[in-house]
């Protein structure tokens, strides 16, 4: 089993320099959903996701070698330019939990500034992009201070491992086009501990896929994803679900390789509806879809049946619709969105996105 605990990563304060790191990390949309976990953020079933492009978190991490006698994590955190006590507490808790991986964090004063290009906590995997960006910053700090992550593959592998500890789905956002997380024989080198890139095994049609996000609601979810995962422990359908996800995963890999958009779309929609069915079958039950979510699904299916165009929907753990379609039909789909779907969005908000090239280091 891969282990990243390393007590040797402590700073010689006479030699260390202060610094500032910045990364942008995209969100992702899971096609095979991760819903249910065990142990230290380990998945009950394998998952695979498109890495997005425009839906991103930008994070900067400034660090100074500590000169005071303060102990533990010393952090100033800002979200969207303002202090955010709730987010600060969450980040402090996460950083404290990975001291065994980055012991030098106890020797630094940290300032983290984070912002999103999309509404947080509304079901667009904001924790995935946020924790992905933070993990990349932390690995860059390690590389700056110790020179231990010069190999690019190892850098991203460790960043994916660390991101997973903050948010399971975050580990998939570290790679362009598509990422896989969770052990499965059909995906060579796959692991429960980190994600692996899958770009090279995907047909060209999927490398330019669109994902336009219909913002049905910008409000924070009534039940967090973390709580939703916890409710899977007593869900009577859990074991059947995990086997179903594995079977769909195997079928999806074949469709992705062959460029079979129809099979891809069917699996994507079935997975989205299964995810929300599991929420409704939880104890206590809850519903994150809104009336306009259902209306949009019906309009999308009607449009596909009428035109024969391969346009499909997905949902993350929230009410907002992800509209998935190949680049070759974008003109017709954009017109459909503006006429039929945008009026159903809060403030008419549509985030036009597509499969992306992964994270970007910006400083």
Foldseek 3Di string as FASTA:
>chain_A
DDDQQDPVQAAPQVPDDWDKWKKKFFFWDKLLDFFAADDQLFTLAKIKTFQWAQWIKIKMKTKDFDPDPDFAAAEFEEEPRHGDVVVVVLVSVLVRVCCSNNVHNRGIHMYMYMYTPAQPQFFRRPLLRVLLRVLLNSLVVSCNRPVPPPDPVSSLFSSQLSSSSSPVSNLFRAAFGMKMADDDPLDPPHYRRGIDDDVVQFDPQSNWKKWKKFALDSDHFPAGSVRRNVLLVPQPCNVVSNVVSNVLVNVLSVCRNVVVLVSSQVSSQVSQVVSQVSQCRTVVHDGQADPLLVVVQVLVVVVCVVPVFRWHWHGGPHHMIIIIHTPVCVVVVVVCCVPPPLVSGDVSDMHIMTGGGHMDIDD
